[in-house]
C-alpha atoms as a PDB file:
ATOM      1  CA  MET A   1      -8.435  45.582 -12.407  1.00  0.00           C
ATOM      2  CA  ASN A   2      -4.737  45.563 -11.431  1.00  0.00           C
ATOM      3  CA  LYS A   3      -1.864  44.110 -13.483  1.00  0.00           C
ATOM      4  CA  THR A   4      -1.904  40.748 -11.675  1.00  0.00           C
ATOM      5  CA  SER A   5      -5.653  40.366 -12.175  1.00  0.00           C
ATOM      6  CA  ASP A   6      -5.274  41.255 -15.839  1.00  0.00           C
ATOM      7  CA  ILE A   7      -2.673  38.487 -16.308  1.00  0.00           C
ATOM      8  CA  LEU A   8      -4.838  35.956 -14.460  1.00  0.00           C
ATOM      9  CA  THR A   9      -7.886  36.963 -16.504  1.00  0.00           C
ATOM     10  CA  LYS A  10      -6.061  36.487 -19.809  1.00  0.00           C
ATOM     11  CA  GLN A  11      -4.825  33.079 -18.686  1.00  0.00           C
ATOM     12  CA  TYR A  12      -8.354  32.142 -17.565  1.00  0.00           C
ATOM     13  CA  ILE A  13      -9.849  33.111 -20.950  1.00  0.00           C
ATOM     14  CA  LYS A  14      -7.096  31.222 -22.781  1.00  0.00           C
ATOM     15  CA  LEU A  15      -7.747  28.060 -20.780  1.00  0.00           C
ATOM     16  CA  CYS A  16     -11.529  28.344 -21.237  1.00  0.00           C
ATOM     17  CA  ASN A  17     -11.107  28.585 -25.004  1.00  0.00           C
ATOM     18  CA  GLU A  18      -8.735  25.618 -25.012  1.00  0.00           C
ATOM     19  CA  ARG A  19     -11.159  23.628 -22.864  1.00  0.00           C
ATOM     20  CA  ASP A  20     -14.088  24.360 -25.181  1.00  0.00           C
ATOM     21  CA  LEU A  21     -12.147  23.315 -28.286  1.00  0.00           C
ATOM     22  CA  LEU A  22     -10.832  20.124 -26.683  1.00  0.00           C
ATOM     23  CA  THR A  23     -14.240  19.210 -25.268  1.00  0.00           C
ATOM     24  CA  LYS A  24     -15.804  19.574 -28.715  1.00  0.00           C
ATOM     25  CA  GLU A  25     -13.081  17.390 -30.245  1.00  0.00           C
ATOM     26  CA  CYS A  26     -13.366  14.834 -27.448  1.00  0.00           C
ATOM     27  CA  ASP A  27     -17.123  14.443 -27.929  1.00  0.00           C
ATOM     28  CA  ASP A  28     -16.521  13.142 -31.455  1.00  0.00           C
ATOM     29  CA  LEU A  29     -13.910  10.556 -30.443  1.00  0.00           C
ATOM     30  CA  PRO A  30     -14.607   6.946 -29.395  1.00  0.00           C
ATOM     31  CA  VAL A  31     -14.341   5.872 -25.751  1.00  0.00           C
ATOM     32  CA  GLY A  32     -12.971   2.646 -24.333  1.00  0.00           C
ATOM     33  CA  SER A  33     -10.066   0.423 -25.253  1.00  0.00           C
ATOM     34  CA  ILE A  34      -9.183  -2.104 -27.928  1.00  0.00           C
ATOM     35  CA  GLN A  35      -9.406  -5.772 -26.953  1.00  0.00           C
ATOM     36  CA  GLN A  36      -8.492  -8.754 -29.073  1.00  0.00           C
ATOM     37  CA  LYS A  37     -10.098 -12.178 -29.094  1.00  0.00           C
ATOM     38  CA  LYS A  38      -8.942 -15.418 -30.631  1.00  0.00           C
ATOM     39  CA  ILE A  39     -11.800 -17.279 -32.274  1.00  0.00           C
ATOM     40  CA  LYS A  40     -10.809 -20.580 -33.852  1.00  0.00           C
ATOM     41  CA  ASN A  41      -7.850 -19.711 -36.078  1.00  0.00           C
ATOM     42  CA  GLY A  42      -8.531 -16.005 -36.341  1.00  0.00           C
ATOM     43  CA  VAL A  43      -7.808 -12.925 -34.224  1.00  0.00           C
ATOM     44  CA  TYR A  44     -10.541 -10.285 -34.005  1.00  0.00           C
ATOM     45  CA  PHE A  45     -10.508  -6.824 -32.464  1.00  0.00           C
ATOM     46  CA  TYR A  46     -13.205  -5.097 -30.440  1.00  0.00           C
ATOM     47  CA  ARG A  47     -13.692  -1.728 -28.800  1.00  0.00           C
ATOM     48  CA  GLN A  48     -14.859  -2.218 -25.230  1.00  0.00           C
ATOM     49  CA  TYR A  49     -16.361   0.577 -23.156  1.00  0.00           C
ATOM     50  CA  ARG A  50     -18.648   1.143 -20.185  1.00  0.00           C
ATOM     51  CA  GLU A  51     -22.052   2.791 -20.489  1.00  0.00           C
ATOM     52  CA  GLY A  52     -23.546   3.277 -17.054  1.00  0.00           C
ATOM     53  CA  THR A  53     -23.209  -0.107 -15.360  1.00  0.00           C
ATOM     54  CA  THR A  54     -23.071  -2.006 -18.654  1.00  0.00           C
ATOM     55  CA  VAL A  55     -19.883  -2.994 -20.467  1.00  0.00           C
ATOM     56  CA  LYS A  56     -20.406  -2.847 -24.222  1.00  0.00           C
ATOM     57  CA  THR A  57     -18.341  -4.411 -26.993  1.00  0.00           C
ATOM     58  CA  VAL A  58     -18.222  -3.255 -30.612  1.00  0.00           C
ATOM     59  CA  PHE A  59     -16.459  -5.140 -33.397  1.00  0.00           C
ATOM     60  CA  VAL A  60     -13.658  -3.207 -35.124  1.00  0.00           C
ATOM     61  CA  PRO A  61     -12.911  -4.276 -38.724  1.00  0.00           C
ATOM     62  CA  GLY A  62      -9.233  -4.834 -39.474  1.00  0.00           C
ATOM     63  CA  ASP A  63      -9.028  -1.953 -41.940  1.00  0.00           C
ATOM     64  CA  GLN A  64     -10.332   0.441 -39.251  1.00  0.00           C
ATOM     65  CA  LEU A  65      -8.167  -0.777 -36.368  1.00  0.00           C
ATOM     66  CA  THR A  66      -5.346   1.750 -36.786  1.00  0.00           C
ATOM     67  CA  GLU A  67      -7.692   4.720 -37.076  1.00  0.00           C
ATOM     68  CA  VAL A  68      -9.897   3.646 -34.133  1.00  0.00           C
ATOM     69  CA  SER A  69      -6.845   2.977 -31.935  1.00  0.00           C
ATOM     70  CA  LYS A  70      -5.414   6.380 -32.832  1.00  0.00           C
ATOM     71  CA  SER A  71      -8.738   8.075 -32.014  1.00  0.00           C
ATOM     72  CA  ILE A  72      -9.005   6.322 -28.638  1.00  0.00           C
ATOM     73  CA  LYS A  73      -5.436   7.346 -27.794  1.00  0.00           C
ATOM     74  CA  ARG A  74      -6.208  10.934 -28.790  1.00  0.00           C
ATOM     75  CA  ARG A  75      -9.318  10.976 -26.579  1.00  0.00           C
ATOM     76  CA  LYS A  76      -7.286   9.805 -23.575  1.00  0.00           C
ATOM     77  CA  GLU A  77      -4.713  12.526 -24.218  1.00  0.00           C
ATOM     78  CA  ILE A  78      -7.483  15.126 -24.371  1.00  0.00           C
ATOM     79  CA  GLU A  79      -9.138  13.836 -21.185  1.00  0.00           C
ATOM     80  CA  LYS A  80      -5.803  14.079 -19.362  1.00  0.00           C
ATOM     81  CA  ARG A  81      -5.307  17.639 -20.606  1.00  0.00           C
ATOM     82  CA  LEU A  82      -8.880  18.600 -19.663  1.00  0.00           C
ATOM     83  CA  LYS A  83      -8.241  17.481 -16.092  1.00  0.00           C
ATOM     84  CA  GLU A  84      -5.166  19.681 -15.986  1.00  0.00           C
ATOM     85  CA  ILE A  85      -7.102  22.600 -17.450  1.00  0.00           C
ATOM     86  CA  ASN A  86      -9.971  22.219 -14.971  1.00  0.00           C
ATOM     87  CA  THR A  87      -7.497  22.195 -12.078  1.00  0.00           C
ATOM     88  CA  GLU A  88      -5.820  25.362 -13.381  1.00  0.00           C
ATOM     89  CA  ILE A  89      -9.180  27.038 -13.967  1.00  0.00           C
ATOM     90  CA  SER A  90     -10.318  26.223 -10.417  1.00  0.00           C
ATOM     91  CA  GLN A  91      -7.121  27.804  -9.064  1.00  0.00           C
ATOM     92  CA  LEU A  92      -7.623  30.912 -11.196  1.00  0.00           C
ATOM     93  CA  ILE A  93     -11.241  31.267 -10.083  1.00  0.00           C
ATOM     94  CA  LYS A  94     -10.081  31.138  -6.475  1.00  0.00           C
ATOM     95  CA  ALA A  95      -7.288  33.662  -7.126  1.00  0.00           C
ATOM     96  CA  LEU A  96      -9.554  36.110  -8.971  1.00  0.00           C
ATOM     97  CA  GLY A  97     -12.274  35.991  -6.314  1.00  0.00           C
ATOM     98  CA  SER A  98     -15.308  38.169  -7.014  1.00  0.00           C
ATOM     99  CA  GLU A  99     -13.634  39.615 -10.126  1.00  0.00           C
ATOM    100  CA  ILE A 100     -14.335  36.330 -11.932  1.00  0.00           C
ATOM    101  CA  HIS A 101     -18.019  37.269 -12.302  1.00  0.00           C
ATOM    102  CA  GLY A 102     -17.064  40.172 -14.541  1.00  0.00           C
ATOM    103  CA  ILE A 103     -15.442  37.919 -17.120  1.00  0.00           C
ATOM    104  CA  PRO A 104     -17.865  36.998 -19.978  1.00  0.00           C
ATOM    105  CA  GLU A 105     -16.255  33.574 -20.432  1.00  0.00           C
ATOM    106  CA  PHE A 106     -16.964  32.613 -16.808  1.00  0.00           C
ATOM    107  CA  LYS A 107     -19.529  29.846 -16.504  1.00  0.00           C
ATOM    108  CA  ASP A 108     -20.365  28.757 -12.986  1.00  0.00           C
ATOM    109  CA  TYR A 109     -21.535  25.329 -14.021  1.00  0.00           C
ATOM    110  CA  LYS A 110     -21.988  23.202 -17.087  1.00  0.00           C
ATOM    111  CA  PRO A 111     -24.168  20.285 -15.949  1.00  0.00           C
ATOM    112  CA  VAL A 112     -23.191  16.792 -17.001  1.00  0.00           C
ATOM    113  CA  LYS A 113     -25.706  15.171 -19.357  1.00  0.00           C
ATOM    114  CA  ASN A 114     -24.548  11.584 -19.834  1.00  0.00           C
ATOM    115  CA  VAL A 115     -25.326  10.255 -16.346  1.00  0.00           C
ATOM    116  CA  ASP A 116     -27.204   7.013 -15.780  1.00  0.00           C
ATOM    117  CA  TYR A 117     -29.766   8.552 -13.426  1.00  0.00           C
ATOM    118  CA  LYS A 118     -31.528   5.249 -12.799  1.00  0.00           C
ATOM    119  CA  ASP A 119     -28.309   3.667 -11.540  1.00  0.00           C
ATOM    120  CA  TYR A 120     -27.413   6.850  -9.628  1.00  0.00           C
ATOM    121  CA  THR A 121     -30.772   6.874  -7.834  1.00  0.00           C
ATOM    122  CA  MET A 122     -30.586   3.165  -7.019  1.00  0.00           C
ATOM    123  CA  TYR A 123     -27.067   3.586  -5.658  1.00  0.00           C
ATOM    124  CA  MET A 124     -28.148   6.443  -3.387  1.00  0.00           C
ATOM    125  CA  SER A 125     -31.005   4.283  -2.124  1.00  0.00           C
ATOM    126  CA  HIS A 126     -28.658   1.331  -1.548  1.00  0.00           C
ATOM    127  CA  LEU A 127     -26.249   3.419   0.535  1.00  0.00           C
ATOM    128  CA  ALA A 128     -29.138   4.876   2.522  1.00  0.00           C
ATOM    129  CA  HIS A 129     -30.210   1.357   3.503  1.00  0.00           C
ATOM    130  CA  GLU A 130     -26.605   0.472   4.348  1.00  0.00           C
ATOM    131  CA  ILE A 131     -26.319   3.451   6.719  1.00  0.00           C
ATOM    132  CA  LYS A 132     -29.523   2.386   8.404  1.00  0.00           C
ATOM    133  CA  ARG A 133     -28.318  -1.231   8.646  1.00  0.00           C
ATOM    134  CA  LEU A 134     -24.764  -0.560   9.834  1.00  0.00           C
ATOM    135  CA  GLY A 135     -25.008   2.785  11.581  1.00  0.00           C
ATOM    136  CA  LYS A 136     -22.914   5.812  10.610  1.00  0.00           C
ATOM    137  CA  GLU A 137     -19.596   4.776  12.160  1.00  0.00           C
ATOM    138  CA  GLU A 138     -19.633   1.201  10.843  1.00  0.00           C
ATOM    139  CA  PHE A 139     -20.749   2.418   7.437  1.00  0.00           C
ATOM    140  CA  VAL A 140     -17.774   4.793   7.191  1.00  0.00           C
ATOM    141  CA  ILE A 141     -15.340   2.052   8.243  1.00  0.00           C
ATOM    142  CA  GLU A 142     -16.744  -0.521   5.827  1.00  0.00           C
ATOM    143  CA  TYR A 143     -17.216   1.744   2.808  1.00  0.00           C
ATOM    144  CA  SER A 144     -14.086   3.911   3.072  1.00  0.00           C
ATOM    145  CA  GLY A 145     -12.055   1.225   1.341  1.00  0.00           C
ATOM    146  CA  ILE A 146     -14.531   0.527  -1.441  1.00  0.00           C
ATOM    147  CA  LYS A 147     -13.515   1.635  -4.921  1.00  0.00           C
ATOM    148  CA  GLU A 148     -16.200   2.964  -7.259  1.00  0.00           C
ATOM    149  CA  SER A 149     -16.068   4.865 -10.531  1.00  0.00           C
ATOM    150  CA  GLY A 150     -17.882   7.758 -12.149  1.00  0.00           C
ATOM    151  CA  VAL A 151     -20.756   9.383 -10.304  1.00  0.00           C
ATOM    152  CA  ARG A 152     -20.815   6.517  -7.783  1.00  0.00           C
ATOM    153  CA  ALA A 153     -17.274   7.383  -6.689  1.00  0.00           C
ATOM    154  CA  ARG A 154     -18.174  11.053  -6.315  1.00  0.00           C
ATOM    155  CA  TYR A 155     -21.292  10.258  -4.336  1.00  0.00           C
ATOM    156  CA  LEU A 156     -19.642   7.802  -1.945  1.00  0.00           C
ATOM    157  CA  LYS A 157     -16.779  10.203  -1.222  1.00  0.00           C
ATOM    158  CA  ALA A 158     -19.186  13.089  -0.613  1.00  0.00           C
ATOM    159  CA  LEU A 159     -21.358  10.982   1.679  1.00  0.00           C
ATOM    160  CA  ILE A 160     -18.382   9.836   3.765  1.00  0.00           C
ATOM    161  CA  ASN A 161     -17.113  13.426   3.945  1.00  0.00           C
ATOM    162  CA  TYR A 162     -20.535  14.490   5.202  1.00  0.00           C
ATOM    163  CA  LEU A 163     -20.760  11.718   7.806  1.00  0.00           C
ATOM    164  CA  THR A 164     -17.245  12.358   9.114  1.00  0.00           C
ATOM    165  CA  LYS A 165     -17.508  16.148   8.841  1.00  0.00           C
ATOM    166  CA  LYS A 166     -14.275  16.067   6.866  1.00  0.00           C
ATOM    167  CA  GLU A 167     -13.242  19.455   5.552  1.00  0.00           C
ATOM    168  CA  ASN A 168     -12.358  19.589   1.893  1.00  0.00           C
ATOM    169  CA  THR A 169     -11.200  22.858   0.380  1.00  0.00           C
ATOM    170  CA  LYS A 170     -10.582  21.547  -3.127  1.00  0.00           C
ATOM    171  CA  ALA A 171     -13.749  21.769  -5.171  1.00  0.00           C
ATOM    172  CA  TYR A 172     -14.572  19.409  -7.993  1.00  0.00           C
ATOM    173  CA  ALA A 173     -14.198  20.891 -11.477  1.00  0.00           C
ATOM    174  CA  SER A 174     -17.036  23.399 -11.820  1.00  0.00           C
ATOM    175  CA  ALA A 175     -17.695  22.369 -15.412  1.00  0.00           C
ATOM    176  CA  ASN A 176     -18.682  18.913 -14.235  1.00  0.00           C
ATOM    177  CA  ILE A 177     -21.646  19.124 -11.889  1.00  0.00           C
ATOM    178  CA  VAL A 178     -24.129  16.243 -11.787  1.00  0.00           C
ATOM    179  CA  LEU A 179     -27.707  17.399 -11.352  1.00  0.00           C
ATOM    180  CA  ASP A 180     -30.445  15.692  -9.410  1.00  0.00           C
ATOM    181  CA  PRO A 181     -33.089  14.171 -11.757  1.00  0.00           C
ATOM    182  CA  LEU A 182     -35.661  16.972 -11.235  1.00  0.00           C
ATOM    183  CA  THR A 183     -33.213  19.786 -11.917  1.00  0.00           C
ATOM    184  CA  TYR A 184     -31.851  17.902 -14.904  1.00  0.00           C
ATOM    185  CA  GLN A 185     -35.331  17.727 -16.463  1.00  0.00           C
ATOM    186  CA  MET A 186     -36.178  21.345 -15.685  1.00  0.00           C
ATOM    187  CA  TYR A 187     -32.813  22.576 -16.983  1.00  0.00           C
ATOM    188  CA  PHE A 188     -32.475  20.581 -20.193  1.00  0.00           C
ATOM    189  CA  THR A 189     -36.078  19.742 -21.118  1.00  0.00           C
ATOM    190  CA  TYR A 190     -37.877  22.943 -20.157  1.00  0.00           C
ATOM    191  CA  GLY A 191     -34.975  25.402 -20.301  1.00  0.00           C
ATOM    192  CA  LYS A 192     -35.483  26.610 -16.721  1.00  0.00           C
ATOM    193  CA  LYS A 193     -31.894  27.825 -16.297  1.00  0.00           C
ATOM    194  CA  ASP A 194     -32.684  29.882 -13.193  1.00  0.00           C
ATOM    195  CA  ILE A 195     -33.513  26.743 -11.180  1.00  0.00           C
ATOM    196  CA  LEU A 196     -29.870  25.687 -11.241  1.00  0.00           C
ATOM    197  CA  GLU A 197     -28.580  28.815  -9.528  1.00  0.00           C
ATOM    198  CA  SER A 198     -31.220  28.711  -6.802  1.00  0.00           C
ATOM    199  CA  ARG A 199     -30.622  25.018  -6.069  1.00  0.00           C
ATOM    200  CA  ILE A 200     -26.842  25.433  -6.006  1.00  0.00           C
ATOM    201  CA  GLU A 201     -27.288  28.024  -3.252  1.00  0.00           C
ATOM    202  CA  LYS A 202     -29.126  25.385  -1.185  1.00  0.00           C
ATOM    203  CA  ALA A 203     -26.750  22.519  -2.002  1.00  0.00           C
ATOM    204  CA  VAL A 204     -25.108  20.482   0.769  1.00  0.00           C
ATOM    205  CA  PRO A 205     -21.447  21.673   0.693  1.00  0.00           C
ATOM    206  CA  GLU A 206     -19.833  18.236   1.014  1.00  0.00           C
ATOM    207  CA  PHE A 207     -21.737  17.037  -2.044  1.00  0.00           C
ATOM    208  CA  LEU A 208     -21.258  20.199  -4.079  1.00  0.00           C
ATOM    209  CA  MET A 209     -17.503  19.899  -3.473  1.00  0.00           C
ATOM    210  CA  GLN A 210     -17.703  16.607  -5.390  1.00  0.00           C
ATOM    211  CA  GLY A 211     -19.779  18.159  -8.158  1.00  0.00           C
ATOM    212  CA  LEU A 212     -23.123  16.734  -6.990  1.00  0.00           C
ATOM    213  CA  LEU A 213     -26.249  18.833  -6.669  1.00  0.00           C
ATOM    214  CA  ILE A 214     -27.852  17.536  -3.473  1.00  0.00           C
ATOM    215  CA  THR A 215     -29.994  20.171  -1.798  1.00  0.00           C
ATOM    216  CA  ASN A 216     -30.784  18.447   1.493  1.00  0.00           C
ATOM    217  CA  ILE A 217     -29.324  15.564   3.399  1.00  0.00           C
ATOM    218  CA  GLN A 218     -32.588  13.590   3.417  1.00  0.00           C
ATOM    219  CA  GLU A 219     -32.297  13.613  -0.352  1.00  0.00           C
ATOM    220  CA  ALA A 220     -28.793  12.184  -0.026  1.00  0.00           C
ATOM    221  CA  VAL A 221     -29.397   9.469   2.549  1.00  0.00           C
ATOM    222  CA  GLY A 222     -33.039   8.601   2.056  1.00  0.00           C
ATOM    223  CA  GLY A 223     -34.187  10.301   5.224  1.00  0.00           C
ATOM    224  CA  THR A 224     -32.165   8.010   7.471  1.00  0.00           C
ATOM    225  CA  LEU A 225     -30.430  10.895   9.241  1.00  0.00           C
ATOM    226  CA  SER A 226     -31.931  13.777  11.116  1.00  0.00           C
END
């Protein structure tokens, strides 16, 4: 390992350690935002957040408002920093090339757990029907301007990239891959860690670039494309 690689490796390890510590802290902090409501002559505060496709509201007692607000603000700061870290890590992985596999801290993927797989599956099915109804070109035109969030946003972007054969050299953060339901169950329920590596090798590139494990295009578009 030359001097440049040694510097990059140390920076990579430093960022990985920072990411792990921040992720652990972030997991214990509340999500969402504080909203206030006027009810009769009183003002009440609530924490509002999205869980899958559902928006949930939790009452925040007055004596907890400052602490909850501070925790939410801290979580947002951490999430912003984690995005920066993941971008830097992706750049370092690219710069280190094959040498990255010799670093103990290197983890190819850390699958996302908190995905609403029912909604994800239904959304994939919905878009498959839309492609069949509109045709590929009309689908791309109509859906390119649609704004989604979370895994829906990733999926729609990947699907449009696939349909338009758009090249994308910037990969999604490797620590944030969304598994297909079968792999998720095999990986987390039965501990079949080897299945992840084999399925990643077969993944459709446009989807993997968005952090989605889709191993064939029929899986992605419901068999509507050949």
